[in-house]
Protein backbone atom coordinates (compact mmCIF):
# COMPACT_ATOMS: atom_id res chain seq x y z
CA UNK A 1 25.07 35.89 27.51
CA UNK A 2 23.25 37.98 24.96
CA UNK A 3 19.78 37.17 23.59
CA UNK A 4 21.24 36.47 20.13
CA UNK A 5 23.58 33.81 21.53
CA UNK A 6 20.70 32.04 23.34
CA UNK A 7 18.42 31.89 20.29
CA UNK A 8 21.06 30.62 17.86
CA UNK A 9 21.02 26.97 19.07
CA UNK A 10 17.22 27.05 19.28
CA UNK A 11 16.95 28.30 15.69
CA UNK A 12 19.37 25.66 14.45
CA UNK A 13 17.40 22.93 16.24
CA UNK A 14 14.09 24.17 14.83
CA UNK A 15 15.50 24.20 11.29
CA UNK A 16 16.89 20.68 11.72
CA UNK A 17 13.57 19.33 13.03
CA UNK A 18 11.61 20.94 10.18
CA UNK A 19 14.04 19.60 7.57
CA UNK A 20 13.84 16.11 9.08
CA UNK A 21 10.03 16.14 9.02
CA UNK A 22 9.91 17.32 5.41
CA UNK A 23 12.36 14.61 4.30
CA UNK A 24 10.40 11.80 5.96
CA UNK A 25 6.87 12.70 4.80
CA UNK A 26 6.87 10.10 2.01
CA UNK A 27 8.51 7.41 4.12
CA UNK A 28 5.50 6.52 6.23
CA UNK A 29 3.06 3.94 4.90
CA UNK A 30 1.11 0.80 5.66
CA UNK A 31 1.12 -2.59 4.01
CA UNK A 32 0.32 -6.25 4.48
CA UNK A 33 -0.02 -9.57 2.66
CA UNK A 34 -3.16 -11.41 1.62
CA UNK A 35 -2.78 -15.06 2.72
CA UNK A 36 -3.55 -17.54 -0.06
CA UNK A 37 -5.60 -19.82 2.18
CA UNK A 38 -8.14 -17.13 3.18
CA UNK A 39 -10.57 -14.99 1.17
CA UNK A 40 -9.78 -11.31 0.73
CA UNK A 41 -11.78 -9.07 3.06
CA UNK A 42 -11.75 -5.41 3.95
CA UNK A 43 -13.25 -2.06 3.11
CA UNK A 44 -11.30 -1.76 -0.14
CA UNK A 45 -13.35 -4.49 -1.87
CA UNK A 46 -16.44 -2.27 -1.92
CA UNK A 47 -14.86 -0.08 -4.59
CA UNK A 48 -13.82 -2.98 -6.86
CA UNK A 49 -15.62 -3.59 -10.16
CA UNK A 50 -18.07 -6.49 -10.49
CA UNK A 51 -16.32 -9.84 -10.78
CA UNK A 52 -13.02 -8.66 -9.27
CA UNK A 53 -13.64 -10.39 -5.94
CA UNK A 54 -14.32 -13.69 -7.76
CA UNK A 55 -11.01 -13.37 -9.58
CA UNK A 56 -9.04 -12.43 -6.48
CA UNK A 57 -10.53 -15.26 -4.39
CA UNK A 58 -9.88 -17.91 -7.05
CA UNK A 59 -7.63 -20.86 -6.30
CA UNK A 60 -5.11 -19.61 -8.90
CA UNK A 61 -3.99 -16.72 -6.69
CA UNK A 62 -0.28 -17.20 -5.97
CA UNK A 63 0.27 -14.12 -3.80
CA UNK A 64 -1.30 -10.80 -2.92
CA UNK A 65 -0.31 -7.72 -0.96
CA UNK A 66 -1.30 -4.11 -0.42
CA UNK A 67 0.72 -0.99 0.25
CA UNK A 68 -1.17 2.17 1.17
CA UNK A 69 -4.03 2.19 -1.35
CA UNK A 70 -2.46 -0.11 -3.97
CA UNK A 71 -3.45 -3.78 -4.10
CA UNK A 72 -1.37 -6.20 -6.14
CA UNK A 73 -2.19 -9.84 -6.86
CA UNK A 74 -0.23 -12.55 -8.65
CA UNK A 75 -1.85 -15.54 -10.29
CA UNK A 76 -0.56 -18.91 -11.48
CA UNK A 77 -1.84 -20.25 -14.78
CA UNK A 78 -1.89 -19.47 -18.44
CA UNK A 79 -3.25 -16.60 -20.46
CA UNK A 80 -6.03 -18.92 -21.62
CA UNK A 81 -7.15 -19.46 -18.02
CA UNK A 82 -7.21 -15.72 -17.35
CA UNK A 83 -9.02 -14.98 -20.63
CA UNK A 84 -11.55 -17.71 -19.85
CA UNK A 85 -12.35 -16.05 -16.54
CA UNK A 86 -12.40 -12.54 -17.95
CA UNK A 87 -14.72 -13.26 -20.87
CA UNK A 88 -17.03 -15.53 -18.85
CA UNK A 89 -18.36 -12.56 -16.82
């Protein structure tokens, strides 16, 4: 067998592995839920503006989750309730 015949499958495999790794770079991530019955904790709360932790830990929180560096919270109530909290700071 010649040297060119031996390297052909190796080259094809290397190209396939590189293409697979490039395609899956954006597919890896972390995420979790914030349980409603427990206060929100973690390193991310240090970068929040003043008053944000009070809002997030209120009893009106319906659901919360984080994915990578994004945190999303849902609240139950009216716009008046939210405005009352926001302007009371």
